[in-house]
C-alpha atoms as a PDB file:
ATOM      1  CA  UNK A   1      10.852 -39.639  72.839  1.00  0.00           C
ATOM      2  CA  UNK A   2       7.315 -40.161  72.063  1.00  0.00           C
ATOM      3  CA  UNK A   3       5.637 -43.534  71.202  1.00  0.00           C
ATOM      4  CA  UNK A   4       2.433 -43.940  69.176  1.00  0.00           C
ATOM      5  CA  UNK A   5       0.439 -47.142  69.018  1.00  0.00           C
ATOM      6  CA  UNK A   6      -2.361 -47.202  66.538  1.00  0.00           C
ATOM      7  CA  UNK A   7      -5.298 -49.700  66.665  1.00  0.00           C
ATOM      8  CA  UNK A   8      -8.602 -50.397  64.930  1.00  0.00           C
ATOM      9  CA  UNK A   9      -7.744 -51.322  61.402  1.00  0.00           C
ATOM     10  CA  UNK A  10      -9.327 -54.217  59.476  1.00  0.00           C
ATOM     11  CA  UNK A  11     -11.369 -55.261  56.638  1.00  0.00           C
ATOM     12  CA  UNK A  12     -14.553 -53.422  55.743  1.00  0.00           C
ATOM     13  CA  UNK A  13     -17.057 -53.459  52.882  1.00  0.00           C
ATOM     14  CA  UNK A  14     -17.306 -50.340  50.637  1.00  0.00           C
ATOM     15  CA  UNK A  15     -19.657 -47.885  52.178  1.00  0.00           C
ATOM     16  CA  UNK A  16     -18.891 -49.180  55.736  1.00  0.00           C
ATOM     17  CA  UNK A  17     -17.288 -47.480  58.720  1.00  0.00           C
ATOM     18  CA  UNK A  18     -14.146 -48.068  60.787  1.00  0.00           C
ATOM     19  CA  UNK A  19     -12.629 -46.123  63.721  1.00  0.00           C
ATOM     20  CA  UNK A  20      -8.965 -45.913  64.352  1.00  0.00           C
ATOM     21  CA  UNK A  21      -7.279 -44.934  67.635  1.00  0.00           C
ATOM     22  CA  UNK A  22      -3.743 -43.703  68.381  1.00  0.00           C
ATOM     23  CA  UNK A  23      -2.451 -43.624  71.943  1.00  0.00           C
ATOM     24  CA  UNK A  24       0.558 -41.409  72.596  1.00  0.00           C
ATOM     25  CA  UNK A  25       3.056 -41.652  75.441  1.00  0.00           C
ATOM     26  CA  UNK A  26       4.280 -38.826  77.502  1.00  0.00           C
ATOM     27  CA  UNK A  27       2.674 -35.949  79.479  1.00  0.00           C
ATOM     28  CA  UNK A  28       2.529 -33.092  76.913  1.00  0.00           C
ATOM     29  CA  UNK A  29       0.120 -34.744  74.441  1.00  0.00           C
ATOM     30  CA  UNK A  30      -2.486 -31.864  74.841  1.00  0.00           C
ATOM     31  CA  UNK A  31       0.169 -29.269  73.646  1.00  0.00           C
ATOM     32  CA  UNK A  32       0.771 -30.642  70.339  1.00  0.00           C
ATOM     33  CA  UNK A  33      -0.964 -31.349  66.997  1.00  0.00           C
ATOM     34  CA  UNK A  34      -1.714 -34.930  65.963  1.00  0.00           C
ATOM     35  CA  UNK A  35      -2.355 -36.229  62.386  1.00  0.00           C
ATOM     36  CA  UNK A  36      -3.195 -39.351  60.414  1.00  0.00           C
ATOM     37  CA  UNK A  37      -1.571 -40.225  57.346  1.00  0.00           C
ATOM     38  CA  UNK A  38      -1.762 -43.108  54.863  1.00  0.00           C
ATOM     39  CA  UNK A  39       0.208 -45.005  52.481  1.00  0.00           C
ATOM     40  CA  UNK A  40      -1.368 -47.168  49.700  1.00  0.00           C
ATOM     41  CA  UNK A  41       0.857 -49.690  47.869  1.00  0.00           C
ATOM     42  CA  UNK A  42       3.045 -48.138  45.302  1.00  0.00           C
ATOM     43  CA  UNK A  43       1.944 -44.552  46.508  1.00  0.00           C
ATOM     44  CA  UNK A  44       3.515 -41.857  48.529  1.00  0.00           C
ATOM     45  CA  UNK A  45       2.432 -41.402  52.044  1.00  0.00           C
ATOM     46  CA  UNK A  46      -0.277 -38.620  52.216  1.00  0.00           C
ATOM     47  CA  UNK A  47      -1.786 -36.554  55.094  1.00  0.00           C
ATOM     48  CA  UNK A  48      -5.431 -37.599  55.770  1.00  0.00           C
ATOM     49  CA  UNK A  49      -6.289 -35.402  58.667  1.00  0.00           C
ATOM     50  CA  UNK A  50      -4.819 -33.174  61.273  1.00  0.00           C
ATOM     51  CA  UNK A  51      -5.994 -31.733  64.647  1.00  0.00           C
ATOM     52  CA  UNK A  52      -4.156 -28.902  66.500  1.00  0.00           C
ATOM     53  CA  UNK A  53      -3.935 -28.525  70.226  1.00  0.00           C
ATOM     54  CA  UNK A  54      -6.846 -26.240  70.129  1.00  0.00           C
ATOM     55  CA  UNK A  55      -8.762 -28.916  68.098  1.00  0.00           C
ATOM     56  CA  UNK A  56      -8.764 -27.106  64.758  1.00  0.00           C
ATOM     57  CA  UNK A  57      -9.061 -29.708  61.928  1.00  0.00           C
ATOM     58  CA  UNK A  58      -7.703 -30.031  58.411  1.00  0.00           C
ATOM     59  CA  UNK A  59      -8.708 -32.904  55.984  1.00  0.00           C
ATOM     60  CA  UNK A  60      -7.567 -33.903  52.697  1.00  0.00           C
ATOM     61  CA  UNK A  61      -9.917 -33.261  49.984  1.00  0.00           C
ATOM     62  CA  UNK A  62     -10.471 -36.925  49.294  1.00  0.00           C
ATOM     63  CA  UNK A  63     -11.743 -37.573  52.674  1.00  0.00           C
ATOM     64  CA  UNK A  64     -13.692 -34.387  53.596  1.00  0.00           C
ATOM     65  CA  UNK A  65     -17.210 -35.055  54.720  1.00  0.00           C
ATOM     66  CA  UNK A  66     -16.397 -38.798  55.384  1.00  0.00           C
ATOM     67  CA  UNK A  67     -13.675 -38.817  57.884  1.00  0.00           C
ATOM     68  CA  UNK A  68     -13.553 -37.009  61.256  1.00  0.00           C
ATOM     69  CA  UNK A  69     -10.539 -36.598  63.415  1.00  0.00           C
ATOM     70  CA  UNK A  70     -10.854 -36.003  67.141  1.00  0.00           C
ATOM     71  CA  UNK A  71      -8.858 -36.051  70.322  1.00  0.00           C
ATOM     72  CA  UNK A  72      -9.088 -36.848  74.020  1.00  0.00           C
ATOM     73  CA  UNK A  73      -6.359 -35.330  75.862  1.00  0.00           C
ATOM     74  CA  UNK A  74      -7.292 -36.990  79.107  1.00  0.00           C
ATOM     75  CA  UNK A  75      -6.422 -40.300  77.443  1.00  0.00           C
ATOM     76  CA  UNK A  76      -3.557 -39.035  75.173  1.00  0.00           C
ATOM     77  CA  UNK A  77      -5.535 -40.494  72.311  1.00  0.00           C
ATOM     78  CA  UNK A  78      -6.311 -39.182  68.929  1.00  0.00           C
ATOM     79  CA  UNK A  79      -9.184 -40.842  66.842  1.00  0.00           C
ATOM     80  CA  UNK A  80     -10.045 -41.025  63.180  1.00  0.00           C
ATOM     81  CA  UNK A  81     -13.651 -42.079  62.339  1.00  0.00           C
ATOM     82  CA  UNK A  82     -14.043 -43.227  58.833  1.00  0.00           C
ATOM     83  CA  UNK A  83     -17.440 -43.509  57.135  1.00  0.00           C
ATOM     84  CA  UNK A  84     -18.667 -44.152  53.646  1.00  0.00           C
ATOM     85  CA  UNK A  85     -15.324 -46.037  53.078  1.00  0.00           C
ATOM     86  CA  UNK A  86     -14.213 -46.616  49.404  1.00  0.00           C
ATOM     87  CA  UNK A  87     -11.850 -49.202  47.853  1.00  0.00           C
ATOM     88  CA  UNK A  88      -9.447 -46.276  47.292  1.00  0.00           C
ATOM     89  CA  UNK A  89      -9.299 -45.645  51.090  1.00  0.00           C
ATOM     90  CA  UNK A  90      -7.285 -49.004  51.370  1.00  0.00           C
ATOM     91  CA  UNK A  91      -3.967 -48.223  52.963  1.00  0.00           C
ATOM     92  CA  UNK A  92      -1.734 -48.350  55.966  1.00  0.00           C
ATOM     93  CA  UNK A  93      -2.763 -45.576  58.263  1.00  0.00           C
ATOM     94  CA  UNK A  94      -0.112 -43.957  60.394  1.00  0.00           C
ATOM     95  CA  UNK A  95      -0.489 -41.598  63.409  1.00  0.00           C
ATOM     96  CA  UNK A  96       2.107 -38.825  63.515  1.00  0.00           C
ATOM     97  CA  UNK A  97       3.128 -36.035  65.877  1.00  0.00           C
ATOM     98  CA  UNK A  98       6.247 -33.794  66.170  1.00  0.00           C
ATOM     99  CA  UNK A  99       8.208 -32.370  68.982  1.00  0.00           C
ATOM    100  CA  UNK A 100      10.805 -29.578  69.080  1.00  0.00           C
ATOM    101  CA  UNK A 101      13.846 -30.635  70.844  1.00  0.00           C
ATOM    102  CA  UNK A 102      16.837 -28.427  71.319  1.00  0.00           C
ATOM    103  CA  UNK A 103      15.612 -26.314  68.445  1.00  0.00           C
ATOM    104  CA  UNK A 104      15.137 -29.206  66.026  1.00  0.00           C
ATOM    105  CA  UNK A 105      11.805 -30.601  64.911  1.00  0.00           C
ATOM    106  CA  UNK A 106      11.395 -34.355  65.234  1.00  0.00           C
ATOM    107  CA  UNK A 107       8.643 -36.454  63.539  1.00  0.00           C
ATOM    108  CA  UNK A 108       7.192 -39.360  65.477  1.00  0.00           C
ATOM    109  CA  UNK A 109       5.306 -42.075  63.797  1.00  0.00           C
ATOM    110  CA  UNK A 110       3.363 -44.979  64.852  1.00  0.00           C
ATOM    111  CA  UNK A 111       3.854 -48.565  63.488  1.00  0.00           C
ATOM    112  CA  UNK A 112       0.711 -48.242  61.258  1.00  0.00           C
ATOM    113  CA  UNK A 113      -2.584 -50.246  60.957  1.00  0.00           C
ATOM    114  CA  UNK A 114      -3.926 -51.737  57.836  1.00  0.00           C
ATOM    115  CA  UNK A 115      -7.277 -50.637  56.528  1.00  0.00           C
ATOM    116  CA  UNK A 116      -8.699 -52.750  53.708  1.00  0.00           C
ATOM    117  CA  UNK A 117     -11.927 -51.760  51.955  1.00  0.00           C
ATOM    118  CA  UNK A 118     -13.280 -54.536  49.761  1.00  0.00           C
ATOM    119  CA  UNK A 119     -16.331 -56.552  48.977  1.00  0.00           C
END
């Protein structure tokens, strides 16, 4: 069982910046990839950024060059730095990871944190 707790959401003006954090429970954080997803009202949840155990990163086209995902294995924490925010970035942002347990893959999600980009 993995618990994920996000923080850092809020209201920001277009063009502004915001940083999100996600703390994971457990001792094997460094071994697994972490990801940020988001879900806007009326839309499907979508992947925003992923970071592997070796810190390779993948970004959605819509956030490339504006968002940066990073991790601190000593703190069991993954970060999402969001710059040049746009109104279309408004969504609930979720932290996600996965674990293999008994041959089955289990996904774990945080509770989500609201990001609102508006003037």
